[in-house]
C-alpha atoms as a PDB file:
ATOM      1  CA  MET A   1      67.872 136.030  74.490  1.00  0.00           C
ATOM      2  CA  LYS A   2      66.866 137.261  71.060  1.00  0.00           C
ATOM      3  CA  ARG A   3      66.591 134.057  69.095  1.00  0.00           C
ATOM      4  CA  LEU A   4      67.084 130.361  69.525  1.00  0.00           C
ATOM      5  CA  VAL A   5      67.860 128.049  66.656  1.00  0.00           C
ATOM      6  CA  LEU A   6      68.331 124.296  66.820  1.00  0.00           C
ATOM      7  CA  PHE A   7      69.339 123.065  63.416  1.00  0.00           C
ATOM      8  CA  PHE A   8      70.990 120.215  61.611  1.00  0.00           C
ATOM      9  CA  TYR A   9      73.989 120.727  59.367  1.00  0.00           C
ATOM     10  CA  GLY A  10      73.610 117.314  57.840  1.00  0.00           C
ATOM     11  CA  ALA A  11      70.298 118.300  56.238  1.00  0.00           C
ATOM     12  CA  ALA A  12      71.314 121.838  55.383  1.00  0.00           C
ATOM     13  CA  ALA A  13      74.602 121.164  53.618  1.00  0.00           C
ATOM     14  CA  VAL A  14      73.481 119.484  50.412  1.00  0.00           C
ATOM     15  CA  SER A  15      76.248 119.942  47.850  1.00  0.00           C
ATOM     16  CA  VAL A  16      79.866 120.763  47.395  1.00  0.00           C
ATOM     17  CA  ALA A  17      80.856 124.301  46.566  1.00  0.00           C
ATOM     18  CA  GLN A  18      82.426 124.618  43.161  1.00  0.00           C
ATOM     19  CA  ALA A  19      85.414 126.312  44.721  1.00  0.00           C
ATOM     20  CA  GLN A  20      86.164 123.318  46.886  1.00  0.00           C
ATOM     21  CA  GLN A  21      88.454 120.668  45.552  1.00  0.00           C
ATOM     22  CA  ALA A  22      87.430 117.042  45.683  1.00  0.00           C
ATOM     23  CA  THR A  23      89.352 115.417  48.522  1.00  0.00           C
ATOM     24  CA  ASN A  24      89.485 111.902  49.867  1.00  0.00           C
ATOM     25  CA  PHE A  25      88.406 111.618  53.461  1.00  0.00           C
ATOM     26  CA  GLU A  26      91.951 111.294  54.757  1.00  0.00           C
ATOM     27  CA  PRO A  27      94.389 113.310  56.841  1.00  0.00           C
ATOM     28  CA  TYR A  28      95.845 116.217  54.940  1.00  0.00           C
ATOM     29  CA  GLU A  29      98.217 119.128  55.346  1.00  0.00           C
ATOM     30  CA  THR A  30      97.663 122.342  53.453  1.00  0.00           C
ATOM     31  CA  THR A  31      99.777 125.436  53.034  1.00  0.00           C
ATOM     32  CA  ILE A  32      98.108 128.816  53.424  1.00  0.00           C
ATOM     33  CA  PRO A  33      98.452 130.581  50.034  1.00  0.00           C
ATOM     34  CA  GLY A  34     101.168 133.215  49.903  1.00  0.00           C
ATOM     35  CA  SER A  35     103.078 131.753  52.807  1.00  0.00           C
ATOM     36  CA  ALA A  36     105.141 128.792  53.921  1.00  0.00           C
ATOM     37  CA  ILE A  37     102.820 128.170  56.864  1.00  0.00           C
ATOM     38  CA  SER A  38     100.756 124.991  56.827  1.00  0.00           C
ATOM     39  CA  PHE A  39      98.265 123.250  59.087  1.00  0.00           C
ATOM     40  CA  LYS A  40      97.106 119.646  59.453  1.00  0.00           C
ATOM     41  CA  MET A  41      93.564 118.307  59.435  1.00  0.00           C
ATOM     42  CA  LEU A  42      92.430 114.846  60.580  1.00  0.00           C
ATOM     43  CA  PRO A  43      89.250 113.062  59.456  1.00  0.00           C
ATOM     44  CA  VAL A  44      86.598 112.328  62.061  1.00  0.00           C
ATOM     45  CA  PRO A  45      84.175 109.664  60.801  1.00  0.00           C
ATOM     46  CA  ALA A  46      80.452 109.995  61.324  1.00  0.00           C
ATOM     47  CA  GLY A  47      79.183 108.219  64.409  1.00  0.00           C
ATOM     48  CA  LYS A  48      77.133 108.192  67.576  1.00  0.00           C
ATOM     49  CA  PHE A  49      78.245 108.986  71.100  1.00  0.00           C
ATOM     50  CA  LEU A  50      76.981 109.824  74.559  1.00  0.00           C
ATOM     51  CA  MET A  51      77.278 113.592  74.995  1.00  0.00           C
ATOM     52  CA  GLY A  52      77.581 114.982  78.509  1.00  0.00           C
ATOM     53  CA  SER A  53      78.162 113.425  81.907  1.00  0.00           C
ATOM     54  CA  ALA A  54      76.630 110.217  83.182  1.00  0.00           C
ATOM     55  CA  GLU A  55      74.432 110.390  86.273  1.00  0.00           C
ATOM     56  CA  LYS A  56      76.890 108.141  88.111  1.00  0.00           C
ATOM     57  CA  ASP A  57      79.756 110.594  87.502  1.00  0.00           C
ATOM     58  CA  ALA A  58      80.460 112.137  90.907  1.00  0.00           C
ATOM     59  CA  GLY A  59      82.156 115.132  89.267  1.00  0.00           C
ATOM     60  CA  LYS A  60      79.341 116.022  86.870  1.00  0.00           C
ATOM     61  CA  LYS A  61      77.981 119.561  86.676  1.00  0.00           C
ATOM     62  CA  PRO A  62      74.305 120.458  86.192  1.00  0.00           C
ATOM     63  CA  ASP A  63      74.940 121.897  82.725  1.00  0.00           C
ATOM     64  CA  GLU A  64      76.424 118.582  81.513  1.00  0.00           C
ATOM     65  CA  THR A  65      73.241 116.589  81.988  1.00  0.00           C
ATOM     66  CA  PRO A  66      71.103 114.785  80.974  1.00  0.00           C
ATOM     67  CA  GLN A  67      73.489 112.714  78.930  1.00  0.00           C
ATOM     68  CA  ARG A  68      72.254 112.360  75.347  1.00  0.00           C
ATOM     69  CA  ASN A  69      72.786 109.950  72.470  1.00  0.00           C
ATOM     70  CA  VAL A  70      73.922 112.194  69.618  1.00  0.00           C
ATOM     71  CA  ASN A  71      74.736 111.443  65.992  1.00  0.00           C
ATOM     72  CA  VAL A  72      77.539 113.424  64.396  1.00  0.00           C
ATOM     73  CA  SER A  73      78.216 113.757  60.680  1.00  0.00           C
ATOM     74  CA  ALA A  74      81.736 113.342  59.331  1.00  0.00           C
ATOM     75  CA  PHE A  75      84.175 116.234  59.420  1.00  0.00           C
ATOM     76  CA  TRP A  76      87.852 117.120  59.565  1.00  0.00           C
ATOM     77  CA  MET A  77      89.302 118.843  62.605  1.00  0.00           C
ATOM     78  CA  GLY A  78      92.600 120.597  63.158  1.00  0.00           C
ATOM     79  CA  ARG A  79      95.211 118.255  64.597  1.00  0.00           C
ATOM     80  CA  TYR A  80      96.458 121.184  66.657  1.00  0.00           C
ATOM     81  CA  GLU A  81      95.006 124.428  67.947  1.00  0.00           C
ATOM     82  CA  VAL A  82      95.366 127.338  65.503  1.00  0.00           C
ATOM     83  CA  THR A  83      98.770 128.890  66.079  1.00  0.00           C
ATOM     84  CA  TYR A  84     100.009 132.471  66.057  1.00  0.00           C
ATOM     85  CA  ASP A  85     102.039 131.611  62.954  1.00  0.00           C
ATOM     86  CA  GLU A  86      98.787 130.889  61.101  1.00  0.00           C
ATOM     87  CA  PHE A  87      96.721 133.673  62.631  1.00  0.00           C
ATOM     88  CA  LEU A  88      99.276 136.424  62.013  1.00  0.00           C
ATOM     89  CA  LEU A  89      98.986 135.825  58.250  1.00  0.00           C
ATOM     90  CA  PHE A  90      95.382 137.010  58.593  1.00  0.00           C
ATOM     91  CA  PHE A  91      96.155 139.791  61.060  1.00  0.00           C
ATOM     92  CA  ASN A  92      98.939 141.185  58.869  1.00  0.00           C
ATOM     93  CA  ASP A  93      97.225 140.634  55.494  1.00  0.00           C
ATOM     94  CA  GLU A  94      97.360 144.112  53.949  1.00  0.00           C
ATOM     95  CA  SER A  95      95.110 143.000  51.086  1.00  0.00           C
ATOM     96  CA  THR A  96      92.297 142.727  53.624  1.00  0.00           C
ATOM     97  CA  SER A  97      90.611 145.813  55.116  1.00  0.00           C
ATOM     98  CA  ARG A  98      90.936 146.429  58.827  1.00  0.00           C
ATOM     99  CA  ASN A  99      87.859 146.627  61.073  1.00  0.00           C
ATOM    100  CA  SER A 100      85.533 147.496  58.192  1.00  0.00           C
ATOM    101  CA  GLU A 101      81.805 147.647  58.874  1.00  0.00           C
ATOM    102  CA  VAL A 102      80.918 146.845  55.271  1.00  0.00           C
ATOM    103  CA  ASP A 103      83.503 144.425  53.917  1.00  0.00           C
ATOM    104  CA  VAL A 104      82.675 140.742  54.073  1.00  0.00           C
ATOM    105  CA  VAL A 105      86.189 139.810  55.183  1.00  0.00           C
ATOM    106  CA  THR A 106      87.999 142.244  57.418  1.00  0.00           C
ATOM    107  CA  ARG A 107      90.945 142.172  59.812  1.00  0.00           C
ATOM    108  CA  PRO A 108      90.913 142.866  63.541  1.00  0.00           C
ATOM    109  CA  THR A 109      91.898 146.214  64.990  1.00  0.00           C
ATOM    110  CA  PRO A 110      95.541 146.548  66.062  1.00  0.00           C
ATOM    111  CA  GLN A 111      96.188 145.141  69.481  1.00  0.00           C
ATOM    112  CA  TYR A 112      96.534 147.905  72.055  1.00  0.00           C
ATOM    113  CA  ILE A 113      98.846 145.722  74.117  1.00  0.00           C
ATOM    114  CA  ASP A 114     100.668 142.455  73.488  1.00  0.00           C
ATOM    115  CA  LEU A 115      97.860 139.991  74.080  1.00  0.00           C
ATOM    116  CA  SER A 116     100.234 137.049  74.027  1.00  0.00           C
ATOM    117  CA  TRP A 117     101.386 138.479  77.355  1.00  0.00           C
ATOM    118  CA  GLY A 118     104.950 137.485  76.537  1.00  0.00           C
ATOM    119  CA  MET A 119     104.094 133.780  76.367  1.00  0.00           C
ATOM    120  CA  GLY A 120     105.364 133.433  72.798  1.00  0.00           C
ATOM    121  CA  LYS A 121     104.147 133.804  69.197  1.00  0.00           C
ATOM    122  CA  GLN A 122     106.493 132.324  66.623  1.00  0.00           C
ATOM    123  CA  GLY A 123     107.205 128.636  66.277  1.00  0.00           C
ATOM    124  CA  GLY A 124     103.950 126.898  67.213  1.00  0.00           C
ATOM    125  CA  PHE A 125     102.320 128.722  70.111  1.00  0.00           C
ATOM    126  CA  PRO A 126      98.491 128.756  70.127  1.00  0.00           C
ATOM    127  CA  VAL A 127      96.832 132.074  69.322  1.00  0.00           C
ATOM    128  CA  ASN A 128      94.820 133.480  72.228  1.00  0.00           C
ATOM    129  CA  SER A 129      92.855 136.437  73.613  1.00  0.00           C
ATOM    130  CA  MET A 130      90.491 136.796  70.670  1.00  0.00           C
ATOM    131  CA  SER A 131      86.707 136.927  70.628  1.00  0.00           C
ATOM    132  CA  GLN A 132      84.581 134.224  69.021  1.00  0.00           C
ATOM    133  CA  ARG A 133      83.890 136.752  66.237  1.00  0.00           C
ATOM    134  CA  THR A 134      87.616 137.027  65.528  1.00  0.00           C
ATOM    135  CA  ALA A 135      87.992 133.254  65.371  1.00  0.00           C
ATOM    136  CA  LEU A 136      85.064 133.013  62.954  1.00  0.00           C
ATOM    137  CA  MET A 137      86.421 135.855  60.802  1.00  0.00           C
ATOM    138  CA  TYR A 138      89.704 133.960  60.572  1.00  0.00           C
ATOM    139  CA  CYS A 139      87.726 130.961  59.294  1.00  0.00           C
ATOM    140  CA  ARG A 140      86.053 133.171  56.686  1.00  0.00           C
ATOM    141  CA  TRP A 141      89.376 134.686  55.630  1.00  0.00           C
ATOM    142  CA  LEU A 142      90.840 131.195  55.307  1.00  0.00           C
ATOM    143  CA  TYR A 143      87.845 130.105  53.203  1.00  0.00           C
ATOM    144  CA  LYS A 144      88.424 133.020  50.830  1.00  0.00           C
ATOM    145  CA  LYS A 145      92.138 132.222  50.688  1.00  0.00           C
ATOM    146  CA  THR A 146      91.834 128.491  50.097  1.00  0.00           C
ATOM    147  CA  GLY A 147      88.359 127.970  48.627  1.00  0.00           C
ATOM    148  CA  VAL A 148      87.713 125.415  51.381  1.00  0.00           C
ATOM    149  CA  PHE A 149      85.000 126.043  53.957  1.00  0.00           C
ATOM    150  CA  TYR A 150      86.201 126.186  57.552  1.00  0.00           C
ATOM    151  CA  ARG A 151      84.351 127.051  60.752  1.00  0.00           C
ATOM    152  CA  LEU A 152      84.406 126.451  64.491  1.00  0.00           C
ATOM    153  CA  PRO A 153      83.192 123.096  65.868  1.00  0.00           C
ATOM    154  CA  THR A 154      79.803 122.770  67.481  1.00  0.00           C
ATOM    155  CA  GLU A 155      79.813 121.563  71.070  1.00  0.00           C
ATOM    156  CA  ALA A 156      78.715 118.129  69.852  1.00  0.00           C
ATOM    157  CA  GLU A 157      81.517 117.916  67.293  1.00  0.00           C
ATOM    158  CA  TRP A 158      84.086 119.089  69.809  1.00  0.00           C
ATOM    159  CA  GLU A 159      83.090 116.575  72.500  1.00  0.00           C
ATOM    160  CA  TYR A 160      82.794 113.739  69.960  1.00  0.00           C
ATOM    161  CA  ALA A 161      86.329 114.408  68.717  1.00  0.00           C
ATOM    162  CA  CYS A 162      87.663 114.877  72.253  1.00  0.00           C
ATOM    163  CA  ARG A 163      86.215 111.632  73.562  1.00  0.00           C
ATOM    164  CA  ALA A 164      87.512 109.711  70.531  1.00  0.00           C
ATOM    165  CA  GLY A 165      85.314 106.729  71.310  1.00  0.00           C
ATOM    166  CA  THR A 166      85.660 106.823  75.096  1.00  0.00           C
ATOM    167  CA  ASN A 167      83.028 107.199  77.821  1.00  0.00           C
ATOM    168  CA  THR A 168      85.402 107.931  80.662  1.00  0.00           C
ATOM    169  CA  VAL A 169      85.816 111.216  82.536  1.00  0.00           C
ATOM    170  CA  TYR A 170      88.921 112.069  80.510  1.00  0.00           C
ATOM    171  CA  TYR A 171      89.688 110.640  77.092  1.00  0.00           C
ATOM    172  CA  PHE A 172      92.512 108.612  78.606  1.00  0.00           C
ATOM    173  CA  GLY A 173      90.494 107.221  81.541  1.00  0.00           C
ATOM    174  CA  ASN A 174      89.307 108.396  84.945  1.00  0.00           C
ATOM    175  CA  ASP A 175      92.595 109.046  86.742  1.00  0.00           C
ATOM    176  CA  ALA A 176      93.272 112.790  86.986  1.00  0.00           C
ATOM    177  CA  LYS A 177      96.857 112.014  88.023  1.00  0.00           C
ATOM    178  CA  LEU A 178      97.579 111.216  84.348  1.00  0.00           C
ATOM    179  CA  LEU A 179      96.503 114.660  83.163  1.00  0.00           C
ATOM    180  CA  LYS A 180     100.056 115.969  83.131  1.00  0.00           C
ATOM    181  CA  ASP A 181     100.822 113.521  80.304  1.00  0.00           C
ATOM    182  CA  TYR A 182      98.025 114.877  78.095  1.00  0.00           C
ATOM    183  CA  GLY A 183      97.613 118.568  78.734  1.00  0.00           C
ATOM    184  CA  TRP A 184      98.867 121.851  80.127  1.00  0.00           C
ATOM    185  CA  PHE A 185      96.834 123.125  83.063  1.00  0.00           C
ATOM    186  CA  SER A 186      97.201 124.865  86.413  1.00  0.00           C
ATOM    187  CA  VAL A 187      99.495 122.210  87.864  1.00  0.00           C
ATOM    188  CA  ASN A 188     102.151 122.033  85.113  1.00  0.00           C
ATOM    189  CA  SER A 189     101.766 125.064  82.801  1.00  0.00           C
ATOM    190  CA  LYS A 190     103.671 127.597  84.943  1.00  0.00           C
ATOM    191  CA  ASN A 191     100.747 129.949  84.190  1.00  0.00           C
ATOM    192  CA  LYS A 192     101.417 130.211  80.470  1.00  0.00           C
ATOM    193  CA  TYR A 193     100.407 128.399  77.301  1.00  0.00           C
ATOM    194  CA  GLN A 194     102.916 126.118  75.594  1.00  0.00           C
ATOM    195  CA  LYS A 195     103.785 125.184  72.011  1.00  0.00           C
ATOM    196  CA  VAL A 196     101.162 122.862  70.580  1.00  0.00           C
ATOM    197  CA  GLY A 197     101.705 119.124  70.196  1.00  0.00           C
ATOM    198  CA  GLN A 198     104.074 118.436  73.084  1.00  0.00           C
ATOM    199  CA  LYS A 199     101.757 116.219  75.115  1.00  0.00           C
ATOM    200  CA  LYS A 200     100.205 112.873  74.205  1.00  0.00           C
ATOM    201  CA  PRO A 201      97.353 112.999  71.667  1.00  0.00           C
ATOM    202  CA  ASN A 202      93.986 111.341  72.155  1.00  0.00           C
ATOM    203  CA  ALA A 203      93.118 108.066  70.431  1.00  0.00           C
ATOM    204  CA  TRP A 204      92.169 109.855  67.204  1.00  0.00           C
ATOM    205  CA  GLY A 205      95.404 111.838  67.044  1.00  0.00           C
ATOM    206  CA  PHE A 206      94.304 115.262  68.293  1.00  0.00           C
ATOM    207  CA  TYR A 207      96.758 117.163  70.467  1.00  0.00           C
ATOM    208  CA  ASP A 208      95.901 119.584  73.278  1.00  0.00           C
ATOM    209  CA  MET A 209      92.173 118.868  73.178  1.00  0.00           C
ATOM    210  CA  ILE A 210      92.383 119.437  76.910  1.00  0.00           C
ATOM    211  CA  GLY A 211      94.352 122.256  78.475  1.00  0.00           C
ATOM    212  CA  ASN A 212      96.769 124.747  76.846  1.00  0.00           C
ATOM    213  CA  VAL A 213      94.069 127.102  75.513  1.00  0.00           C
ATOM    214  CA  ALA A 214      90.356 126.532  75.929  1.00  0.00           C
ATOM    215  CA  GLU A 215      88.654 126.416  72.535  1.00  0.00           C
ATOM    216  CA  TRP A 216      85.787 128.414  71.133  1.00  0.00           C
ATOM    217  CA  THR A 217      82.847 126.460  69.821  1.00  0.00           C
ATOM    218  CA  LEU A 218      80.199 127.695  67.422  1.00  0.00           C
ATOM    219  CA  ASP A 219      77.475 127.407  70.058  1.00  0.00           C
ATOM    220  CA  HIS A 220      75.860 129.872  72.385  1.00  0.00           C
ATOM    221  CA  TYR A 221      76.048 128.757  76.015  1.00  0.00           C
ATOM    222  CA  GLU A 222      72.810 127.731  77.648  1.00  0.00           C
ATOM    223  CA  GLU A 223      72.918 126.000  81.023  1.00  0.00           C
ATOM    224  CA  LYS A 224      69.980 123.729  80.195  1.00  0.00           C
ATOM    225  CA  TYR A 225      71.047 123.132  76.594  1.00  0.00           C
ATOM    226  CA  PHE A 226      71.196 119.365  76.986  1.00  0.00           C
ATOM    227  CA  THR A 227      67.528 119.244  78.017  1.00  0.00           C
ATOM    228  CA  THR A 228      66.656 120.724  74.604  1.00  0.00           C
ATOM    229  CA  ILE A 229      68.546 118.051  72.640  1.00  0.00           C
ATOM    230  CA  ALA A 230      66.343 115.149  71.592  1.00  0.00           C
ATOM    231  CA  ASP A 231      67.867 111.773  72.330  1.00  0.00           C
ATOM    232  CA  GLY A 232      69.194 110.511  69.005  1.00  0.00           C
ATOM    233  CA  ALA A 233      69.516 114.016  67.531  1.00  0.00           C
ATOM    234  CA  THR A 234      71.850 114.562  64.589  1.00  0.00           C
ATOM    235  CA  ASP A 235      74.364 117.413  64.591  1.00  0.00           C
ATOM    236  CA  PRO A 236      72.701 119.565  67.268  1.00  0.00           C
ATOM    237  CA  SER A 237      73.801 123.179  67.569  1.00  0.00           C
ATOM    238  CA  PHE A 238      72.494 126.181  69.443  1.00  0.00           C
ATOM    239  CA  SER A 239      72.836 129.806  68.414  1.00  0.00           C
ATOM    240  CA  THR A 240      71.481 133.222  69.298  1.00  0.00           C
ATOM    241  CA  GLU A 241      72.399 136.754  68.262  1.00  0.00           C
ATOM    242  CA  ASP A 242      73.538 137.574  71.794  1.00  0.00           C
ATOM    243  CA  THR A 243      77.246 138.271  72.258  1.00  0.00           C
ATOM    244  CA  TYR A 244      77.490 136.504  75.620  1.00  0.00           C
ATOM    245  CA  PRO A 245      77.922 133.808  76.662  1.00  0.00           C
ATOM    246  CA  LYS A 246      79.453 131.545  74.031  1.00  0.00           C
ATOM    247  CA  THR A 247      80.650 128.053  74.895  1.00  0.00           C
ATOM    248  CA  VAL A 248      84.319 127.134  75.229  1.00  0.00           C
ATOM    249  CA  ARG A 249      85.571 123.582  75.726  1.00  0.00           C
ATOM    250  CA  GLY A 250      88.641 121.769  76.932  1.00  0.00           C
ATOM    251  CA  GLY A 251      89.876 124.051  79.690  1.00  0.00           C
ATOM    252  CA  GLY A 252      93.058 126.087  79.546  1.00  0.00           C
ATOM    253  CA  TYR A 253      96.477 126.464  81.063  1.00  0.00           C
ATOM    254  CA  LEU A 254      95.077 128.276  84.100  1.00  0.00           C
ATOM    255  CA  ASP A 255      92.315 125.771  84.820  1.00  0.00           C
ATOM    256  CA  LYS A 256      92.081 123.039  87.406  1.00  0.00           C
ATOM    257  CA  PRO A 257      91.650 119.367  86.406  1.00  0.00           C
ATOM    258  CA  GLU A 258      87.853 119.402  86.620  1.00  0.00           C
ATOM    259  CA  ALA A 259      87.690 121.874  83.702  1.00  0.00           C
ATOM    260  CA  LEU A 260      89.621 119.435  81.507  1.00  0.00           C
ATOM    261  CA  ARG A 261      86.993 116.671  81.695  1.00  0.00           C
ATOM    262  CA  SER A 262      85.600 115.681  78.284  1.00  0.00           C
ATOM    263  CA  ALA A 263      82.095 116.829  79.270  1.00  0.00           C
ATOM    264  CA  SER A 264      83.130 120.069  80.991  1.00  0.00           C
ATOM    265  CA  ARG A 265      81.545 123.213  79.528  1.00  0.00           C
ATOM    266  CA  GLY A 266      82.944 126.724  79.913  1.00  0.00           C
ATOM    267  CA  LYS A 267      81.406 130.023  78.860  1.00  0.00           C
ATOM    268  CA  SER A 268      82.570 133.464  77.870  1.00  0.00           C
ATOM    269  CA  ASP A 269      81.928 136.403  80.153  1.00  0.00           C
ATOM    270  CA  PRO A 270      81.866 140.193  79.628  1.00  0.00           C
ATOM    271  CA  SER A 271      84.577 140.433  82.298  1.00  0.00           C
ATOM    272  CA  TRP A 272      87.007 138.989  79.719  1.00  0.00           C
ATOM    273  CA  ASN A 273      86.744 142.369  78.004  1.00  0.00           C
ATOM    274  CA  LYS A 274      86.598 144.441  81.189  1.00  0.00           C
ATOM    275  CA  ARG A 275      90.049 146.052  80.950  1.00  0.00           C
ATOM    276  CA  ASP A 276      89.715 146.931  77.262  1.00  0.00           C
ATOM    277  CA  PRO A 277      90.897 150.566  77.072  1.00  0.00           C
ATOM    278  CA  GLN A 278      89.183 151.163  73.744  1.00  0.00           C
ATOM    279  CA  ILE A 279      85.923 153.102  73.609  1.00  0.00           C
ATOM    280  CA  PRO A 280      83.726 151.421  72.541  1.00  0.00           C
ATOM    281  CA  LYS A 281      85.220 148.158  73.707  1.00  0.00           C
ATOM    282  CA  SER A 282      86.829 146.057  71.014  1.00  0.00           C
ATOM    283  CA  LYS A 283      84.706 143.398  69.316  1.00  0.00           C
ATOM    284  CA  TRP A 284      87.930 141.633  68.357  1.00  0.00           C
ATOM    285  CA  TRP A 285      90.012 141.164  71.478  1.00  0.00           C
ATOM    286  CA  LEU A 286      89.634 139.852  75.012  1.00  0.00           C
ATOM    287  CA  THR A 287      92.108 141.469  77.373  1.00  0.00           C
ATOM    288  CA  ASP A 288      91.348 138.980  80.126  1.00  0.00           C
ATOM    289  CA  GLY A 289      90.542 136.021  77.892  1.00  0.00           C
ATOM    290  CA  MET A 290      94.182 135.083  77.513  1.00  0.00           C
ATOM    291  CA  GLN A 291      93.383 131.399  78.042  1.00  0.00           C
ATOM    292  CA  VAL A 292      91.045 131.146  75.023  1.00  0.00           C
ATOM    293  CA  GLY A 293      91.957 130.042  71.469  1.00  0.00           C
ATOM    294  CA  PHE A 294      90.323 127.880  68.815  1.00  0.00           C
ATOM    295  CA  ARG A 295      90.567 124.896  66.478  1.00  0.00           C
ATOM    296  CA  LEU A 296      89.291 124.526  62.898  1.00  0.00           C
ATOM    297  CA  VAL A 297      86.579 122.236  61.563  1.00  0.00           C
ATOM    298  CA  ARG A 298      85.774 121.400  57.964  1.00  0.00           C
ATOM    299  CA  PRO A 299      82.542 119.428  57.346  1.00  0.00           C
ATOM    300  CA  LEU A 300      82.887 116.521  54.912  1.00  0.00           C
ATOM    301  CA  LYS A 301      79.638 117.546  53.217  1.00  0.00           C
ATOM    302  CA  ALA A 302      80.716 121.023  52.236  1.00  0.00           C
ATOM    303  CA  PRO A 303      78.177 123.800  51.760  1.00  0.00           C
ATOM    304  CA  THR A 304      77.615 125.433  48.400  1.00  0.00           C
ATOM    305  CA  ALA A 305      79.124 128.871  47.959  1.00  0.00           C
ATOM    306  CA  GLU A 306      75.704 130.384  48.701  1.00  0.00           C
ATOM    307  CA  GLU A 307      75.297 128.286  51.852  1.00  0.00           C
ATOM    308  CA  ALA A 308      78.793 129.182  53.023  1.00  0.00           C
ATOM    309  CA  ASP A 309      78.098 132.899  52.570  1.00  0.00           C
ATOM    310  CA  ALA A 310      74.778 132.522  54.424  1.00  0.00           C
ATOM    311  CA  PHE A 311      76.555 130.721  57.250  1.00  0.00           C
ATOM    312  CA  TYR A 312      79.159 133.444  57.740  1.00  0.00           C
ATOM    313  CA  LYS A 313      76.514 136.162  57.417  1.00  0.00           C
ATOM    314  CA  LYS A 314      74.465 134.521  60.134  1.00  0.00           C
ATOM    315  CA  TYR A 315      77.346 134.479  62.598  1.00  0.00           C
ATOM    316  CA  LEU A 316      79.249 137.607  61.510  1.00  0.00           C
ATOM    317  CA  GLY A 317      76.411 139.883  60.497  1.00  0.00           C
ATOM    318  CA  ASN A 318      77.253 140.665  56.859  1.00  0.00           C
END
């Protein structure tokens, strides 16, 4: 591990970038410039919650404990997972360089095979099989397109939004038999992802927080991460410069019910890129990470333009 950083966005983000438009803290839908494609964001108010699994939870995993009281600052989160319809605007944007080592915003390399694996692209299917870097570059591209800062959620933000005020194993309760009403997973997915928004949302209106595609977070995975979080911490996050492993949350269409628990933590693995025929292996795609996608976050307290550039440089390298 090269570097460990535990930091607090609430203290770091001190002003609103000039490029960002003043917006009431309400749900909104925005159209991606130059297209007819839009996406919806829902406000998540600041608050406190218990992050991780309780000691009494028989299904808890060692990396979900000890449970911590965590404060989370306000943010918006995507009502749905990012879809292929949205992502392909970035992938096919000919005004953006492809796989440049010097450009701040650059597009992924062409896919060497169809990484949707025939599961569907147009009409609301979640994008999949991309690295965390690709998901973050999409956020940066979207920031340049819209003037609004977007990024991936931290683990704390993701779990806070998933739980939506609950302390139960799943955000709808403790009965795994009800999972089929809320998410796509190994029992009902027929081994493929589905169009977003078909199952019941959680109490705060987010669809597919569990199942369908697992979702990248901003954080590096560390098994004992929760032991490093001070009880009462605000906006904890954990990053290193290492490529693996990064944390994914929510479970995917291939996962069993235990991976769809609100506290369940997944992690990326080099094997997800094992079959990559490119030499060197692609930093954009995950041949065997077909169950992984992402969801957008926009902090209410937006960074300045300089802070936004520093953020993307930290995670993307330039």
